[in-house]
PDB file of N, CA and C in Angstrom:
ATOM      1  N   MET A   1       0.820  -1.172   0.000  1.00  0.00           N
ATOM      2  CA  MET A   1       0.000   0.000   0.000  1.00  0.00           C
ATOM      3  C   MET A   1       0.868   1.240   0.000  1.00  0.00           C
ATOM      4  N   MET A   2       0.354   2.318  -0.626  1.00  0.00           N
ATOM      5  CA  MET A   2       1.126   3.556  -0.740  1.00  0.00           C
ATOM      6  C   MET A   2       0.807   4.475   0.421  1.00  0.00           C
ATOM      7  N   SER A   3       1.806   5.198   0.774  1.00  0.00           N
ATOM      8  CA  SER A   3       1.607   6.162   1.859  1.00  0.00           C
ATOM      9  C   SER A   3       0.840   7.358   1.312  1.00  0.00           C
ATOM     10  N   PRO A   4       0.193   8.112   2.202  1.00  0.00           N
ATOM     11  CA  PRO A   4      -0.551   9.283   1.745  1.00  0.00           C
ATOM     12  C   PRO A   4       0.357  10.279   1.007  1.00  0.00           C
ATOM     13  N   ARG A   5       1.577  10.391   1.436  1.00  0.00           N
ATOM     14  CA  ARG A   5       2.510  11.315   0.775  1.00  0.00           C
ATOM     15  C   ARG A   5       2.775  10.850  -0.657  1.00  0.00           C
ATOM     16  N   ALA A   6       2.946   9.584  -0.885  1.00  0.00           N
ATOM     17  CA  ALA A   6       3.187   9.038  -2.217  1.00  0.00           C
ATOM     18  C   ALA A   6       1.957   9.247  -3.114  1.00  0.00           C
ATOM     19  N   VAL A   7       0.769   9.084  -2.503  1.00  0.00           N
ATOM     20  CA  VAL A   7      -0.470   9.300  -3.276  1.00  0.00           C
ATOM     21  C   VAL A   7      -0.541  10.753  -3.726  1.00  0.00           C
ATOM     22  N   TYR A   8      -0.236  11.685  -2.825  1.00  0.00           N
ATOM     23  CA  TYR A   8      -0.248  13.112  -3.178  1.00  0.00           C
ATOM     24  C   TYR A   8       0.818  13.426  -4.226  1.00  0.00           C
ATOM     25  N   THR A   9       1.945  12.786  -4.135  1.00  0.00           N
ATOM     26  CA  THR A   9       3.015  13.004  -5.112  1.00  0.00           C
ATOM     27  C   THR A   9       2.568  12.515  -6.486  1.00  0.00           C
ATOM     28  N   VAL A  10       2.009  11.301  -6.543  1.00  0.00           N
ATOM     29  CA  VAL A  10       1.521  10.769  -7.817  1.00  0.00           C
ATOM     30  C   VAL A  10       0.413  11.655  -8.358  1.00  0.00           C
ATOM     31  N   TRP A  11      -0.472  12.099  -7.490  1.00  0.00           N
ATOM     32  CA  TRP A  11      -1.574  12.969  -7.892  1.00  0.00           C
ATOM     33  C   TRP A  11      -1.037  14.286  -8.434  1.00  0.00           C
ATOM     34  N   GLY A  12      -0.089  14.885  -7.766  1.00  0.00           N
ATOM     35  CA  GLY A  12       0.506  16.151  -8.202  1.00  0.00           C
ATOM     36  C   GLY A  12       1.231  16.006  -9.527  1.00  0.00           C
ATOM     37  N   VAL A  13       2.019  14.928  -9.677  1.00  0.00           N
ATOM     38  CA  VAL A  13       2.728  14.695 -10.938  1.00  0.00           C
ATOM     39  C   VAL A  13       1.719  14.485 -12.064  1.00  0.00           C
ATOM     40  N   SER A  14       0.644  13.759 -11.802  1.00  0.00           N
ATOM     41  CA  SER A  14      -0.389  13.529 -12.810  1.00  0.00           C
ATOM     42  C   SER A  14      -1.024  14.844 -13.241  1.00  0.00           C
ATOM     43  N   LEU A  15      -1.303  15.729 -12.280  1.00  0.00           N
ATOM     44  CA  LEU A  15      -1.881  17.028 -12.614  1.00  0.00           C
ATOM     45  C   LEU A  15      -0.918  17.863 -13.454  1.00  0.00           C
ATOM     46  N   VAL A  16       0.349  17.869 -13.082  1.00  0.00           N
ATOM     47  CA  VAL A  16       1.343  18.643 -13.832  1.00  0.00           C
ATOM     48  C   VAL A  16       1.469  18.100 -15.251  1.00  0.00           C
ATOM     49  N   VAL A  17       1.542  16.772 -15.380  1.00  0.00           N
ATOM     50  CA  VAL A  17       1.634  16.161 -16.707  1.00  0.00           C
ATOM     51  C   VAL A  17       0.383  16.491 -17.518  1.00  0.00           C
ATOM     52  N   SER A  18      -0.782  16.444 -16.888  1.00  0.00           N
ATOM     53  CA  SER A  18      -2.033  16.760 -17.585  1.00  0.00           C
ATOM     54  C   SER A  18      -2.037  18.203 -18.074  1.00  0.00           C
ATOM     55  N   VAL A  19      -1.573  19.119 -17.229  1.00  0.00           N
ATOM     56  CA  VAL A  19      -1.519  20.536 -17.625  1.00  0.00           C
ATOM     57  C   VAL A  19      -0.538  20.723 -18.781  1.00  0.00           C
ATOM     58  N   VAL A  20       0.617  20.065 -18.708  1.00  0.00           N
ATOM     59  CA  VAL A  20       1.600  20.172 -19.791  1.00  0.00           C
ATOM     60  C   VAL A  20       1.014  19.624 -21.084  1.00  0.00           C
ATOM     61  N   VAL A  21       0.358  18.469 -21.011  1.00  0.00           N
ATOM     62  CA  VAL A  21      -0.263  17.886 -22.202  1.00  0.00           C
ATOM     63  C   VAL A  21      -1.341  18.824 -22.736  1.00  0.00           C
ATOM     64  N   LEU A  22      -2.135  19.407 -21.847  1.00  0.00           N
ATOM     65  CA  LEU A  22      -3.184  20.334 -22.256  1.00  0.00           C
ATOM     66  C   LEU A  22      -2.594  21.550 -22.971  1.00  0.00           C
ATOM     67  N   VAL A  23      -1.506  22.090 -22.444  1.00  0.00           N
ATOM     68  CA  VAL A  23      -0.857  23.247 -23.071  1.00  0.00           C
ATOM     69  C   VAL A  23      -0.303  22.858 -24.445  1.00  0.00           C
ATOM     70  N   VAL A  24       0.331  21.694 -24.526  1.00  0.00           N
ATOM     71  CA  VAL A  24       0.875  21.241 -25.807  1.00  0.00           C
ATOM     72  C   VAL A  24      -0.252  21.055 -26.822  1.00  0.00           C
ATOM     73  N   VAL A  25      -1.340  20.452 -26.412  1.00  0.00           N
ATOM     74  CA  VAL A  25      -2.484  20.251 -27.303  1.00  0.00           C
ATOM     75  C   VAL A  25      -3.054  21.594 -27.748  1.00  0.00           C
ATOM     76  N   ALA A  26      -3.171  22.546 -26.821  1.00  0.00           N
ATOM     77  CA  ALA A  26      -3.688  23.871 -27.168  1.00  0.00           C
ATOM     78  C   ALA A  26      -2.775  24.559 -28.184  1.00  0.00           C
ATOM     79  N   VAL A  27      -1.470  24.466 -28.000  1.00  0.00           N
ATOM     80  CA  VAL A  27      -0.520  25.074 -28.938  1.00  0.00           C
ATOM     81  C   VAL A  27      -0.637  24.411 -30.305  1.00  0.00           C
ATOM     82  N   LEU A  28      -0.713  23.089 -30.310  1.00  0.00           N
ATOM     83  CA  LEU A  28      -0.833  22.377 -31.588  1.00  0.00           C
ATOM     84  C   LEU A  28      -2.139  22.725 -32.303  1.00  0.00           C
ATOM     85  N   LEU A  29      -3.225  22.825 -31.553  1.00  0.00           N
ATOM     86  CA  LEU A  29      -4.496  23.204 -32.167  1.00  0.00           C
ATOM     87  C   LEU A  29      -4.435  24.621 -32.741  1.00  0.00           C
ATOM     88  N   GLU A  30      -3.776  25.516 -32.035  1.00  0.00           N
ATOM     89  CA  GLU A  30      -3.624  26.889 -32.545  1.00  0.00           C
ATOM     90  C   GLU A  30      -2.792  26.897 -33.820  1.00  0.00           C
ATOM     91  N   LEU A  31      -1.749  26.104 -33.869  1.00  0.00           N
ATOM     92  CA  LEU A  31      -0.935  26.006 -35.083  1.00  0.00           C
ATOM     93  C   LEU A  31      -1.745  25.451 -36.251  1.00  0.00           C
ATOM     94  N   ILE A  32      -2.577  24.449 -35.957  1.00  0.00           N
ATOM     95  CA  ILE A  32      -3.446  23.886 -36.992  1.00  0.00           C
ATOM     96  C   ILE A  32      -4.432  24.936 -37.481  1.00  0.00           C
ATOM     97  N   ARG A  33      -5.003  25.705 -36.554  1.00  0.00           N
ATOM     98  CA  ARG A  33      -5.965  26.749 -36.929  1.00  0.00           C
ATOM     99  C   ARG A  33      -5.313  27.794 -37.820  1.00  0.00           C
ATOM    100  N   ARG A  34      -4.112  28.240 -37.457  1.00  0.00           N
ATOM    101  CA  ARG A  34      -3.401  29.232 -38.267  1.00  0.00           C
ATOM    102  C   ARG A  34      -3.057  28.683 -39.640  1.00  0.00           C
ATOM    103  N   THR A  35      -2.619  27.447 -39.684  1.00  0.00           N
ATOM    104  CA  THR A  35      -2.289  26.824 -40.970  1.00  0.00           C
ATOM    105  C   THR A  35      -3.532  26.707 -41.841  1.00  0.00           C
ATOM    106  N   ALA A  36      -4.638  26.325 -41.249  1.00  0.00           N
ATOM    107  CA  ALA A  36      -5.889  26.212 -42.007  1.00  0.00           C
ATOM    108  C   ALA A  36      -6.316  27.580 -42.545  1.00  0.00           C
ATOM    109  N   ARG A  37      -6.151  28.630 -41.737  1.00  0.00           N
ATOM    110  CA  ARG A  37      -6.491  29.981 -42.187  1.00  0.00           C
ATOM    111  C   ARG A  37      -5.580  30.405 -43.341  1.00  0.00           C
ATOM    112  N   ASP A  38      -4.289  30.092 -43.243  1.00  0.00           N
ATOM    113  CA  ASP A  38      -3.360  30.414 -44.327  1.00  0.00           C
ATOM    114  C   ASP A  38      -3.715  29.653 -45.599  1.00  0.00           C
ATOM    115  N   ILE A  39      -4.086  28.397 -45.442  1.00  0.00           N
ATOM    116  CA  ILE A  39      -4.494  27.601 -46.612  1.00  0.00           C
ATOM    117  C   ILE A  39      -5.742  28.192 -47.235  1.00  0.00           C
ATOM    118  N   GLN A  40      -6.694  28.583 -46.411  1.00  0.00           N
ATOM    119  CA  GLN A  40      -7.932  29.153 -46.927  1.00  0.00           C
ATOM    120  C   GLN A  40      -7.649  30.463 -47.666  1.00  0.00           C
ATOM    121  N   THR A  41      -6.766  31.290 -47.134  1.00  0.00           N
ATOM    122  CA  THR A  41      -6.411  32.544 -47.803  1.00  0.00           C
ATOM    123  C   THR A  41      -5.727  32.268 -49.137  1.00  0.00           C
ATOM    124  N   THR A  42      -4.806  31.310 -49.142  1.00  0.00           N
ATOM    125  CA  THR A  42      -4.090  30.966 -50.370  1.00  0.00           C
ATOM    126  C   THR A  42      -5.032  30.391 -51.412  1.00  0.00           C
ATOM    127  N   VAL A  43      -5.944  29.540 -50.982  1.00  0.00           N
ATOM    128  CA  VAL A  43      -6.920  28.967 -51.916  1.00  0.00           C
ATOM    129  C   VAL A  43      -7.806  30.074 -52.485  1.00  0.00           C
ATOM    130  N   GLY A  44      -8.172  31.034 -51.666  1.00  0.00           N
ATOM    131  CA  GLY A  44      -8.961  32.171 -52.163  1.00  0.00           C
ATOM    132  C   GLY A  44      -8.191  32.964 -53.209  1.00  0.00           C
ATOM    133  N   ASP A  45      -6.904  33.180 -52.975  1.00  0.00           N
ATOM    134  CA  ASP A  45      -6.078  33.891 -53.952  1.00  0.00           C
ATOM    135  C   ASP A  45      -5.958  33.101 -55.247  1.00  0.00           C
ATOM    136  N   ILE A  46      -5.792  31.777 -55.125  1.00  0.00           N
ATOM    137  CA  ILE A  46      -5.700  30.928 -56.313  1.00  0.00           C
ATOM    138  C   ILE A  46      -7.017  30.972 -57.079  1.00  0.00           C
ATOM    139  N   TRP A  47      -8.130  30.947 -56.370  1.00  0.00           N
ATOM    140  CA  TRP A  47      -9.449  30.996 -56.997  1.00  0.00           C
ATOM    141  C   TRP A  47      -9.614  32.304 -57.770  1.00  0.00           C
ATOM    142  N   THR A  48      -9.213  33.416 -57.147  1.00  0.00           N
ATOM    143  CA  THR A  48      -9.326  34.714 -57.804  1.00  0.00           C
ATOM    144  C   THR A  48      -8.450  34.761 -59.054  1.00  0.00           C
ATOM    145  N   ALA A  49      -7.217  34.283 -58.937  1.00  0.00           N
ATOM    146  CA  ALA A  49      -6.317  34.265 -60.098  1.00  0.00           C
ATOM    147  C   ALA A  49      -6.862  33.348 -61.184  1.00  0.00           C
ATOM    148  N   GLY A  50      -7.419  32.215 -60.794  1.00  0.00           N
ATOM    149  CA  GLY A  50      -7.999  31.292 -61.771  1.00  0.00           C
ATOM    150  C   GLY A  50      -9.163  31.909 -62.530  1.00  0.00           C
ATOM    151  N   LYS A  51      -9.996  32.664 -61.819  1.00  0.00           N
ATOM    152  CA  LYS A  51     -11.109  33.338 -62.492  1.00  0.00           C
ATOM    153  C   LYS A  51     -10.587  34.379 -63.476  1.00  0.00           C
ATOM    154  N   SER A  52      -9.516  35.081 -63.108  1.00  0.00           N
ATOM    155  CA  SER A  52      -8.933  36.068 -64.021  1.00  0.00           C
ATOM    156  C   SER A  52      -8.365  35.389 -65.265  1.00  0.00           C
ATOM    157  N   VAL A  53      -7.693  34.272 -65.079  1.00  0.00           N
ATOM    158  CA  VAL A  53      -7.146  33.528 -66.221  1.00  0.00           C
ATOM    159  C   VAL A  53      -8.284  33.054 -67.117  1.00  0.00           C
ATOM    160  N   ALA A  54      -9.326  32.522 -66.520  1.00  0.00           N
ATOM    161  CA  ALA A  54     -10.472  32.056 -67.306  1.00  0.00           C
ATOM    162  C   ALA A  54     -11.107  33.215 -68.071  1.00  0.00           C
ATOM    163  N   ASN A  55     -11.224  34.361 -67.427  1.00  0.00           N
ATOM    164  CA  ASN A  55     -11.810  35.533 -68.082  1.00  0.00           C
ATOM    165  C   ASN A  55     -10.945  35.977 -69.252  1.00  0.00           C
ATOM    166  N   ASN A  56      -9.618  35.962 -69.075  1.00  0.00           N
ATOM    167  CA  ASN A  56      -8.732  36.347 -70.164  1.00  0.00           C
ATOM    168  C   ASN A  56      -8.749  35.321 -71.291  1.00  0.00           C
ATOM    169  N   THR A  57      -8.901  34.055 -70.943  1.00  0.00           N
ATOM    170  CA  THR A  57      -8.935  33.001 -71.950  1.00  0.00           C
ATOM    171  C   THR A  57     -10.160  33.139 -72.840  1.00  0.00           C
ATOM    172  N   ILE A  58     -11.249  33.585 -72.275  1.00  0.00           N
ATOM    173  CA  ILE A  58     -12.472  33.782 -73.053  1.00  0.00           C
ATOM    174  C   ILE A  58     -12.232  34.789 -74.177  1.00  0.00           C
ATOM    175  N   HIS A  59     -11.400  35.780 -73.921  1.00  0.00           N
ATOM    176  CA  HIS A  59     -11.192  36.860 -74.881  1.00  0.00           C
ATOM    177  C   HIS A  59     -10.205  36.509 -75.992  1.00  0.00           C
ATOM    178  N   ILE A  60      -9.598  35.331 -75.961  1.00  0.00           N
ATOM    179  CA  ILE A  60      -8.660  34.943 -77.014  1.00  0.00           C
ATOM    180  C   ILE A  60      -9.378  34.873 -78.363  1.00  0.00           C
ATOM    181  N   ALA A  61     -10.592  34.368 -78.385  1.00  0.00           N
ATOM    182  CA  ALA A  61     -11.356  34.308 -79.634  1.00  0.00           C
ATOM    183  C   ALA A  61     -11.573  35.712 -80.192  1.00  0.00           C
ATOM    184  N   LEU A  62     -11.806  36.672 -79.324  1.00  0.00           N
ATOM    185  CA  LEU A  62     -11.982  38.049 -79.777  1.00  0.00           C
ATOM    186  C   LEU A  62     -10.687  38.611 -80.349  1.00  0.00           C
ATOM    187  N   LEU A  63      -9.546  38.197 -79.817  1.00  0.00           N
ATOM    188  CA  LEU A  63      -8.266  38.658 -80.353  1.00  0.00           C
ATOM    189  C   LEU A  63      -8.058  38.145 -81.775  1.00  0.00           C
ATOM    190  N   HIS A  64      -8.447  36.906 -82.045  1.00  0.00           N
ATOM    191  CA  HIS A  64      -8.348  36.380 -83.407  1.00  0.00           C
ATOM    192  C   HIS A  64      -9.212  37.216 -84.358  1.00  0.00           C
ATOM    193  N   ARG A  65     -10.392  37.557 -83.911  1.00  0.00           N
ATOM    194  CA  ARG A  65     -11.291  38.374 -84.739  1.00  0.00           C
ATOM    195  C   ARG A  65     -10.700  39.768 -84.941  1.00  0.00           C
ATOM    196  N   THR A  66     -10.130  40.342 -83.880  1.00  0.00           N
ATOM    197  CA  THR A  66      -9.499  41.660 -83.989  1.00  0.00           C
ATOM    198  C   THR A  66      -8.329  41.612 -84.970  1.00  0.00           C
ATOM    199  N   ASN A  67      -7.515  40.553 -84.907  1.00  0.00           N
ATOM    200  CA  ASN A  67      -6.406  40.415 -85.850  1.00  0.00           C
ATOM    201  C   ASN A  67      -6.909  40.308 -87.281  1.00  0.00           C
ATOM    202  N   PHE A  68      -7.991  39.593 -87.487  1.00  0.00           N
ATOM    203  CA  PHE A  68      -8.560  39.453 -88.826  1.00  0.00           C
ATOM    204  C   PHE A  68      -8.967  40.818 -89.375  1.00  0.00           C
ATOM    205  N   PHE A  69      -9.737  41.571 -88.588  1.00  0.00           N
ATOM    206  CA  PHE A  69     -10.194  42.877 -89.050  1.00  0.00           C
ATOM    207  C   PHE A  69      -9.042  43.873 -89.145  1.00  0.00           C
ATOM    208  N   GLY A  70      -8.060  43.731 -88.259  1.00  0.00           N
ATOM    209  CA  GLY A  70      -6.872  44.592 -88.368  1.00  0.00           C
ATOM    210  C   GLY A  70      -6.147  44.366 -89.681  1.00  0.00           C
ATOM    211  N   GLY A  71      -6.050  43.118 -90.111  1.00  0.00           N
ATOM    212  CA  GLY A  71      -5.448  42.808 -91.410  1.00  0.00           C
ATOM    213  C   GLY A  71      -6.230  43.412 -92.562  1.00  0.00           C
ATOM    214  N   ARG A  72      -7.541  43.353 -92.470  1.00  0.00           N
ATOM    215  CA  ARG A  72      -8.379  43.946 -93.527  1.00  0.00           C
ATOM    216  C   ARG A  72      -8.218  45.464 -93.560  1.00  0.00           C
ATOM    217  N   ILE A  73      -8.139  46.072 -92.376  1.00  0.00           N
ATOM    218  CA  ILE A  73      -7.931  47.525 -92.315  1.00  0.00           C
ATOM    219  C   ILE A  73      -6.566  47.884 -92.903  1.00  0.00           C
ATOM    220  N   LEU A  74      -5.552  47.078 -92.590  1.00  0.00           N
ATOM    221  CA  LEU A  74      -4.217  47.322 -93.144  1.00  0.00           C
ATOM    222  C   LEU A  74      -4.234  47.213 -94.664  1.00  0.00           C
ATOM    223  N   ASP A  75      -4.928  46.224 -95.192  1.00  0.00           N
ATOM    224  CA  ASP A  75      -5.036  46.087 -96.644  1.00  0.00           C
ATOM    225  C   ASP A  75      -5.718  47.309 -97.254  1.00  0.00           C
ATOM    226  N   ALA A  76      -6.801  47.773 -96.640  1.00  0.00           N
ATOM    227  CA  ALA A  76      -7.520  48.947 -97.149  1.00  0.00           C
ATOM    228  C   ALA A  76      -6.636  50.190 -97.051  1.00  0.00           C
ATOM    229  N   ALA A  77      -5.904  50.334 -95.963  1.00  0.00           N
ATOM    230  CA  ALA A  77      -5.022  51.493 -95.812  1.00  0.00           C
ATOM    231  C   ALA A  77      -3.911  51.460 -96.852  1.00  0.00           C
ATOM    232  N   THR A  78      -3.412  50.280 -97.152  1.00  0.00           N
ATOM    233  CA  THR A  78      -2.380  50.151 -98.186  1.00  0.00           C
ATOM    234  C   THR A  78      -2.938  50.577 -99.541  1.00  0.00           C
ATOM    235  N   GLY A  79      -4.176  50.183 -99.834  1.00  0.00           N
ATOM    236  CA  GLY A  79      -4.820  50.604-101.086  1.00  0.00           C
ATOM    237  C   GLY A  79      -5.021  52.100-101.144  1.00  0.00           C
ATOM    238  N   ILE A  80      -5.432  52.698-100.043  1.00  0.00           N
ATOM    239  CA  ILE A  80      -5.630  54.150 -99.987  1.00  0.00           C
ATOM    240  C   ILE A  80      -4.301  54.868-100.181  1.00  0.00           C
ATOM    241  N   LEU A  81      -3.250  54.351 -99.557  1.00  0.00           N
ATOM    242  CA  LEU A  81      -1.928  54.953 -99.709  1.00  0.00           C
ATOM    243  C   LEU A  81      -1.469  54.880-101.159  1.00  0.00           C
ATOM    244  N   GLY A  82      -1.709  53.744-101.813  1.00  0.00           N
ATOM    245  CA  GLY A  82      -1.346  53.616-103.232  1.00  0.00           C
ATOM    246  C   GLY A  82      -2.108  54.598-104.096  1.00  0.00           C
ATOM    247  N   ALA A  83      -3.407  54.747-103.853  1.00  0.00           N
ATOM    248  CA  ALA A  83      -4.216  55.688-104.633  1.00  0.00           C
ATOM    249  C   ALA A  83      -3.775  57.120-104.381  1.00  0.00           C
ATOM    250  N   ALA A  84      -3.480  57.461-103.128  1.00  0.00           N
ATOM    251  CA  ALA A  84      -3.027  58.819-102.815  1.00  0.00           C
ATOM    252  C   ALA A  84      -1.683  59.103-103.464  1.00  0.00           C
ATOM    253  N   SER A  85      -0.812  58.125-103.501  1.00  0.00           N
ATOM    254  CA  SER A  85       0.488  58.305-104.159  1.00  0.00           C
ATOM    255  C   SER A  85       0.302  58.519-105.658  1.00  0.00           C
ATOM    256  N   ALA A  86      -0.618  57.766-106.260  1.00  0.00           N
ATOM    257  CA  ALA A  86      -0.888  57.938-107.687  1.00  0.00           C
ATOM    258  C   ALA A  86      -1.455  59.318-107.969  1.00  0.00           C
ATOM    259  N   ILE A  87      -2.327  59.796-107.121  1.00  0.00           N
ATOM    260  CA  ILE A  87      -2.906  61.144-107.290  1.00  0.00           C
ATOM    261  C   ILE A  87      -1.812  62.192-107.170  1.00  0.00           C
ATOM    262  N   ARG A  88      -0.940  62.045-106.208  1.00  0.00           N
ATOM    263  CA  ARG A  88       0.152  63.000-106.028  1.00  0.00           C
ATOM    264  C   ARG A  88       1.068  63.003-107.253  1.00  0.00           C
ATOM    265  N   ALA A  89       1.411  61.822-107.717  1.00  0.00           N
ATOM    266  CA  ALA A  89       2.285  61.734-108.891  1.00  0.00           C
ATOM    267  C   ALA A  89       1.623  62.380-110.103  1.00  0.00           C
ATOM    268  N   HIS A  90       0.337  62.140-110.288  1.00  0.00           N
ATOM    269  CA  HIS A  90      -0.378  62.735-111.417  1.00  0.00           C
ATOM    270  C   HIS A  90      -0.444  64.259-111.265  1.00  0.00           C
ATOM    271  N   ALA A  91      -0.712  64.740-110.063  1.00  0.00           N
ATOM    272  CA  ALA A  91      -0.835  66.177-109.838  1.00  0.00           C
ATOM    273  C   ALA A  91       0.503  66.875-110.030  1.00  0.00           C
ATOM    274  N   GLN A  92       1.594  66.206-109.764  1.00  0.00           N
ATOM    275  CA  GLN A  92       2.905  66.832-109.930  1.00  0.00           C
ATOM    276  C   GLN A  92       3.257  66.997-111.412  1.00  0.00           C
ATOM    277  N   GLN A  93       2.831  66.094-112.259  1.00  0.00           N
ATOM    278  CA  GLN A  93       3.175  66.215-113.671  1.00  0.00           C
ATOM    279  C   GLN A  93       2.064  66.857-114.485  1.00  0.00           C
ATOM    280  N   CYS A  94       0.877  66.963-113.959  1.00  0.00           N
ATOM    281  CA  CYS A  94      -0.234  67.489-114.762  1.00  0.00           C
ATOM    282  C   CYS A  94      -1.111  68.380-113.898  1.00  0.00           C
ATOM    283  N   PRO A  95      -0.810  69.694-113.787  1.00  0.00           N
ATOM    284  CA  PRO A  95      -1.638  70.540-112.944  1.00  0.00           C
ATOM    285  C   PRO A  95      -3.073  70.684-113.468  1.00  0.00           C
ATOM    286  N   ARG A  96      -3.264  70.721-114.818  1.00  0.00           N
ATOM    287  CA  ARG A  96      -4.619  70.812-115.408  1.00  0.00           C
ATOM    288  C   ARG A  96      -4.609  70.194-116.801  1.00  0.00           C
ATOM    289  N   CYS A  97      -4.427  68.904-116.854  1.00  0.00           N
ATOM    290  CA  CYS A  97      -4.399  68.271-118.180  1.00  0.00           C
ATOM    291  C   CYS A  97      -5.810  68.230-118.740  1.00  0.00           C
ATOM    292  N   PRO A  98      -5.988  68.094-120.053  1.00  0.00           N
ATOM    293  CA  PRO A  98      -7.321  68.112-120.641  1.00  0.00           C
ATOM    294  C   PRO A  98      -8.237  66.996-120.101  1.00  0.00           C
ATOM    295  N   SER A  99      -7.718  65.833-119.873  1.00  0.00           N
ATOM    296  CA  SER A  99      -8.604  64.760-119.394  1.00  0.00           C
ATOM    297  C   SER A  99      -9.062  65.044-117.977  1.00  0.00           C
ATOM    298  N   CYS A 100      -8.235  65.670-117.179  1.00  0.00           N
ATOM    299  CA  CYS A 100      -8.627  66.011-115.813  1.00  0.00           C
ATOM    300  C   CYS A 100      -9.636  67.154-115.823  1.00  0.00           C
ATOM    301  N   ALA A 101      -9.443  68.152-116.720  1.00  0.00           N
ATOM    302  CA  ALA A 101     -10.354  69.278-116.779  1.00  0.00           C
ATOM    303  C   ALA A 101     -11.696  68.850-117.320  1.00  0.00           C
ATOM    304  N   ALA A 102     -11.737  67.884-118.224  1.00  0.00           N
ATOM    305  CA  ALA A 102     -12.994  67.420-118.814  1.00  0.00           C
ATOM    306  C   ALA A 102     -13.835  66.651-117.786  1.00  0.00           C
ATOM    307  N   ARG A 103     -13.217  66.039-116.847  1.00  0.00           N
ATOM    308  CA  ARG A 103     -13.959  65.261-115.837  1.00  0.00           C
ATOM    309  C   ARG A 103     -14.682  66.154-114.845  1.00  0.00           C
ATOM    310  N   ARG A 104     -14.307  67.379-114.765  1.00  0.00           N
ATOM    311  CA  ARG A 104     -14.928  68.262-113.752  1.00  0.00           C
ATOM    312  C   ARG A 104     -16.248  68.712-114.144  1.00  0.00           C
TER     313      ARG A 104
END
């Protein structure tokens, strides 16, 4: 049989060990909570970036269409430049030729 002093010693050591375990568990739970919050924040950032990428990807088809029409505009501008150059060349050599005066 144990003496009362030994019982109190075992009881006291058990309480101290329990408190230490409780503190360790509380610290570990807090670390888990912080990690979970960081993960949630990171996942939110990834979600936002993913939505932006998806939104930009949708517009790729519009870029192809813009390039198509840009090419057509460039072709038309090239034609206008050629016609303007021809007019300038004609005006430099013929200020009022008969065929030009007859068209007026």
